[in-house]
Amino acid sequence: MSLNYKCEQTRYGIFLSFKGRICAHDLEFWFNKLFKEIDDIKLKKSFGMIIEFDEIEPICVEAARMFAAGRAFLIGKGLHRTAIIFDSSAKIVDLMRAFNIIGQYKLQRMICTMANKDANQKAIDWVENGIEP
């Protein structure tokens, strides 16, 4: 399965959703598209982001580096808090490996939907108000 993604502007900033196989080539295309469009999105000076990983395959090292570049770009545009929602506890190992490659962002939280029935609301509470999930 190739990468499917969605990007939406929300009241807190940006909602991103990824599903499928995340490879560096797909991410490079997607981030280049996002970089061109981000100036058209009416973001506050400081904004949040929720990223949802649904049914993703393992993230390769190159893709993890692309996430780092994308995150650095968005931090430069005013990104503050980030919440990452994933759909299984097994994915935490892969996500943590990827984020160990690119470095943890101190204002980033990871939330598993299997352990948190209200994962989306917890993510919003973190991004908007700094309430720990």
C-alpha atoms as a PDB file:
ATOM      1  CA  MET A   1       0.000   0.000   0.000  1.00  0.00           C
ATOM      2  CA  SER A   2       1.408   3.388  -0.913  1.00  0.00           C
ATOM      3  CA  LEU A   3       1.183   6.435   1.298  1.00  0.00           C
ATOM      4  CA  ASN A   4      -2.169   8.120   1.696  1.00  0.00           C
ATOM      5  CA  TYR A   5      -2.241  11.374   3.578  1.00  0.00           C
ATOM      6  CA  LYS A   6      -4.576  14.166   4.529  1.00  0.00           C
ATOM      7  CA  CYS A   7      -3.799  17.690   5.698  1.00  0.00           C
ATOM      8  CA  GLU A   8      -6.471  19.902   7.236  1.00  0.00           C
ATOM      9  CA  GLN A   9      -6.407  23.305   8.862  1.00  0.00           C
ATOM     10  CA  THR A  10      -8.075  23.237  12.289  1.00  0.00           C
ATOM     11  CA  ARG A  11      -8.748  25.661  15.125  1.00  0.00           C
ATOM     12  CA  TYR A  12      -5.501  24.560  16.820  1.00  0.00           C
ATOM     13  CA  GLY A  13      -3.383  24.519  13.650  1.00  0.00           C
ATOM     14  CA  ILE A  14      -2.826  21.490  11.429  1.00  0.00           C
ATOM     15  CA  PHE A  15      -4.156  17.922  11.416  1.00  0.00           C
ATOM     16  CA  LEU A  16      -2.128  15.409   9.389  1.00  0.00           C
ATOM     17  CA  SER A  17      -3.140  11.826   8.743  1.00  0.00           C
ATOM     18  CA  PHE A  18      -0.890   9.159   7.233  1.00  0.00           C
ATOM     19  CA  LYS A  19      -1.935   5.669   6.205  1.00  0.00           C
ATOM     20  CA  GLY A  20       0.051   2.979   4.409  1.00  0.00           C
ATOM     21  CA  ARG A  21       3.698   2.675   3.464  1.00  0.00           C
ATOM     22  CA  ILE A  22       5.742   5.749   4.333  1.00  0.00           C
ATOM     23  CA  CYS A  23       8.809   6.006   2.144  1.00  0.00           C
ATOM     24  CA  ALA A  24      11.193   8.902   1.694  1.00  0.00           C
ATOM     25  CA  HIS A  25      10.146   9.511  -1.928  1.00  0.00           C
ATOM     26  CA  ASP A  26       6.464   9.921  -0.976  1.00  0.00           C
ATOM     27  CA  LEU A  27       7.343  12.145   1.969  1.00  0.00           C
ATOM     28  CA  GLU A  28       9.647  14.295  -0.128  1.00  0.00           C
ATOM     29  CA  PHE A  29       6.817  14.894  -2.614  1.00  0.00           C
ATOM     30  CA  TRP A  30       4.312  15.509   0.182  1.00  0.00           C
ATOM     31  CA  PHE A  31       6.536  17.876   2.173  1.00  0.00           C
ATOM     32  CA  ASN A  32       7.434  19.865  -0.940  1.00  0.00           C
ATOM     33  CA  LYS A  33       3.708  20.254  -1.603  1.00  0.00           C
ATOM     34  CA  LEU A  34       3.080  21.248   2.026  1.00  0.00           C
ATOM     35  CA  PHE A  35       5.958  23.742   2.038  1.00  0.00           C
ATOM     36  CA  LYS A  36       4.454  25.477  -0.992  1.00  0.00           C
ATOM     37  CA  GLU A  37       0.943  25.528   0.472  1.00  0.00           C
ATOM     38  CA  ILE A  38       1.750  26.386   4.096  1.00  0.00           C
ATOM     39  CA  ASP A  39       1.943  30.100   3.412  1.00  0.00           C
ATOM     40  CA  ASP A  40      -1.625  29.983   2.067  1.00  0.00           C
ATOM     41  CA  ILE A  41      -2.899  28.467   5.319  1.00  0.00           C
ATOM     42  CA  LYS A  42      -3.917  31.160   7.794  1.00  0.00           C
ATOM     43  CA  LEU A  43      -2.012  29.906  10.841  1.00  0.00           C
ATOM     44  CA  LYS A  44      -1.622  31.729  14.106  1.00  0.00           C
ATOM     45  CA  LYS A  45       1.877  32.870  15.104  1.00  0.00           C
ATOM     46  CA  SER A  46       1.992  29.825  17.383  1.00  0.00           C
ATOM     47  CA  PHE A  47       0.059  26.747  16.310  1.00  0.00           C
ATOM     48  CA  GLY A  48      -0.250  23.082  17.163  1.00  0.00           C
ATOM     49  CA  MET A  49      -0.298  19.933  15.111  1.00  0.00           C
ATOM     50  CA  ILE A  50      -1.839  16.507  15.501  1.00  0.00           C
ATOM     51  CA  ILE A  51      -0.427  13.689  13.396  1.00  0.00           C
ATOM     52  CA  GLU A  52      -2.403  10.473  13.069  1.00  0.00           C
ATOM     53  CA  PHE A  53      -0.651   7.308  11.907  1.00  0.00           C
ATOM     54  CA  ASP A  54      -3.231   4.706  10.863  1.00  0.00           C
ATOM     55  CA  GLU A  55      -2.269   1.270   9.571  1.00  0.00           C
ATOM     56  CA  ILE A  56       1.248   2.405   8.689  1.00  0.00           C
ATOM     57  CA  GLU A  57       4.060   0.090   7.766  1.00  0.00           C
ATOM     58  CA  PRO A  58       7.494   0.457   9.415  1.00  0.00           C
ATOM     59  CA  ILE A  59       9.129   3.846   8.844  1.00  0.00           C
ATOM     60  CA  CYS A  60      12.513   3.727   7.110  1.00  0.00           C
ATOM     61  CA  VAL A  61      15.497   5.835   8.208  1.00  0.00           C
ATOM     62  CA  GLU A  62      15.204   8.137   5.185  1.00  0.00           C
ATOM     63  CA  ALA A  63      11.512   8.763   5.908  1.00  0.00           C
ATOM     64  CA  ALA A  64      12.326   9.543   9.557  1.00  0.00           C
ATOM     65  CA  ARG A  65      14.846  12.128   8.368  1.00  0.00           C
ATOM     66  CA  MET A  66      12.179  13.657   6.107  1.00  0.00           C
ATOM     67  CA  PHE A  67       9.886  13.960   9.133  1.00  0.00           C
ATOM     68  CA  ALA A  68      12.707  15.770  10.938  1.00  0.00           C
ATOM     69  CA  ALA A  69      13.080  18.222   8.056  1.00  0.00           C
ATOM     70  CA  GLY A  70       9.324  18.785   7.921  1.00  0.00           C
ATOM     71  CA  ARG A  71       9.127  19.311  11.670  1.00  0.00           C
ATOM     72  CA  ALA A  72      12.032  21.786  11.581  1.00  0.00           C
ATOM     73  CA  PHE A  73      10.305  23.725   8.794  1.00  0.00           C
ATOM     74  CA  LEU A  74       7.032  23.877  10.739  1.00  0.00           C
ATOM     75  CA  ILE A  75       8.792  24.898  13.968  1.00  0.00           C
ATOM     76  CA  GLY A  76      10.254  27.775  11.984  1.00  0.00           C
ATOM     77  CA  LYS A  77       6.705  28.718  10.964  1.00  0.00           C
ATOM     78  CA  GLY A  78       5.488  28.718  14.593  1.00  0.00           C
ATOM     79  CA  LEU A  79       4.750  25.072  15.466  1.00  0.00           C
ATOM     80  CA  HIS A  80       4.446  24.734  19.230  1.00  0.00           C
ATOM     81  CA  ARG A  81       2.928  21.533  20.635  1.00  0.00           C
ATOM     82  CA  THR A  82       2.527  18.287  18.674  1.00  0.00           C
ATOM     83  CA  ALA A  83       0.534  15.140  19.421  1.00  0.00           C
ATOM     84  CA  ILE A  84       1.083  11.886  17.563  1.00  0.00           C
ATOM     85  CA  ILE A  85      -1.784   9.412  17.555  1.00  0.00           C
ATOM     86  CA  PHE A  86      -1.130   5.809  16.558  1.00  0.00           C
ATOM     87  CA  ASP A  87      -3.361   2.760  16.420  1.00  0.00           C
ATOM     88  CA  SER A  88      -1.431  -0.044  18.113  1.00  0.00           C
ATOM     89  CA  SER A  89       1.023  -0.518  20.910  1.00  0.00           C
ATOM     90  CA  ALA A  90       3.294  -2.461  18.531  1.00  0.00           C
ATOM     91  CA  LYS A  91       3.749   0.696  16.472  1.00  0.00           C
ATOM     92  CA  ILE A  92       5.225   2.563  19.415  1.00  0.00           C
ATOM     93  CA  VAL A  93       8.474   0.625  18.964  1.00  0.00           C
ATOM     94  CA  ASP A  94       8.754   1.653  15.317  1.00  0.00           C
ATOM     95  CA  LEU A  95       7.700   5.248  16.000  1.00  0.00           C
ATOM     96  CA  MET A  96      10.128   5.562  18.902  1.00  0.00           C
ATOM     97  CA  ARG A  97      12.931   4.172  16.705  1.00  0.00           C
ATOM     98  CA  ALA A  98      12.094   6.740  14.048  1.00  0.00           C
ATOM     99  CA  PHE A  99      11.900   9.599  16.544  1.00  0.00           C
ATOM    100  CA  ASN A 100      15.151   8.482  18.197  1.00  0.00           C
ATOM    101  CA  ILE A 101      16.748   8.928  14.780  1.00  0.00           C
ATOM    102  CA  ILE A 102      15.395  12.450  14.358  1.00  0.00           C
ATOM    103  CA  GLY A 103      15.391  13.446  18.018  1.00  0.00           C
ATOM    104  CA  GLN A 104      12.496  13.954  20.371  1.00  0.00           C
ATOM    105  CA  TYR A 105      10.712  17.259  20.356  1.00  0.00           C
ATOM    106  CA  LYS A 106      10.130  18.271  23.977  1.00  0.00           C
ATOM    107  CA  LEU A 107       6.629  19.542  23.193  1.00  0.00           C
ATOM    108  CA  GLN A 108       5.591  16.305  21.467  1.00  0.00           C
ATOM    109  CA  ARG A 109       3.370  13.624  22.997  1.00  0.00           C
ATOM    110  CA  MET A 110       2.520  10.171  21.669  1.00  0.00           C
ATOM    111  CA  ILE A 111      -0.953   8.712  22.287  1.00  0.00           C
ATOM    112  CA  CYS A 112      -2.089   5.145  21.478  1.00  0.00           C
ATOM    113  CA  THR A 113      -5.762   4.768  20.559  1.00  0.00           C
ATOM    114  CA  MET A 114      -5.833   1.240  22.030  1.00  0.00           C
ATOM    115  CA  ALA A 115      -4.875   2.560  25.468  1.00  0.00           C
ATOM    116  CA  ASN A 116      -6.904   5.777  25.248  1.00  0.00           C
ATOM    117  CA  LYS A 117     -10.529   5.672  24.134  1.00  0.00           C
ATOM    118  CA  ASP A 118     -10.533   9.435  23.803  1.00  0.00           C
ATOM    119  CA  ALA A 119      -7.107   9.749  22.133  1.00  0.00           C
ATOM    120  CA  ASN A 120      -8.258  12.472  19.741  1.00  0.00           C
ATOM    121  CA  GLN A 121      -9.593  14.658  22.551  1.00  0.00           C
ATOM    122  CA  LYS A 122      -6.450  14.074  24.630  1.00  0.00           C
ATOM    123  CA  ALA A 123      -4.376  15.143  21.633  1.00  0.00           C
ATOM    124  CA  ILE A 124      -6.458  18.302  21.195  1.00  0.00           C
ATOM    125  CA  ASP A 125      -6.226  19.077  24.937  1.00  0.00           C
ATOM    126  CA  TRP A 126      -2.429  18.757  24.756  1.00  0.00           C
ATOM    127  CA  VAL A 127      -2.028  20.807  21.588  1.00  0.00           C
ATOM    128  CA  GLU A 128      -4.414  23.592  22.607  1.00  0.00           C
ATOM    129  CA  ASN A 129      -3.929  23.825  26.361  1.00  0.00           C
ATOM    130  CA  GLY A 130      -0.830  21.833  27.344  1.00  0.00           C
ATOM    131  CA  ILE A 131      -2.878  19.285  29.317  1.00  0.00           C
ATOM    132  CA  GLU A 132      -0.807  16.093  29.576  1.00  0.00           C
ATOM    133  CA  PRO A 133      -2.475  13.099  27.897  1.00  0.00           C
END
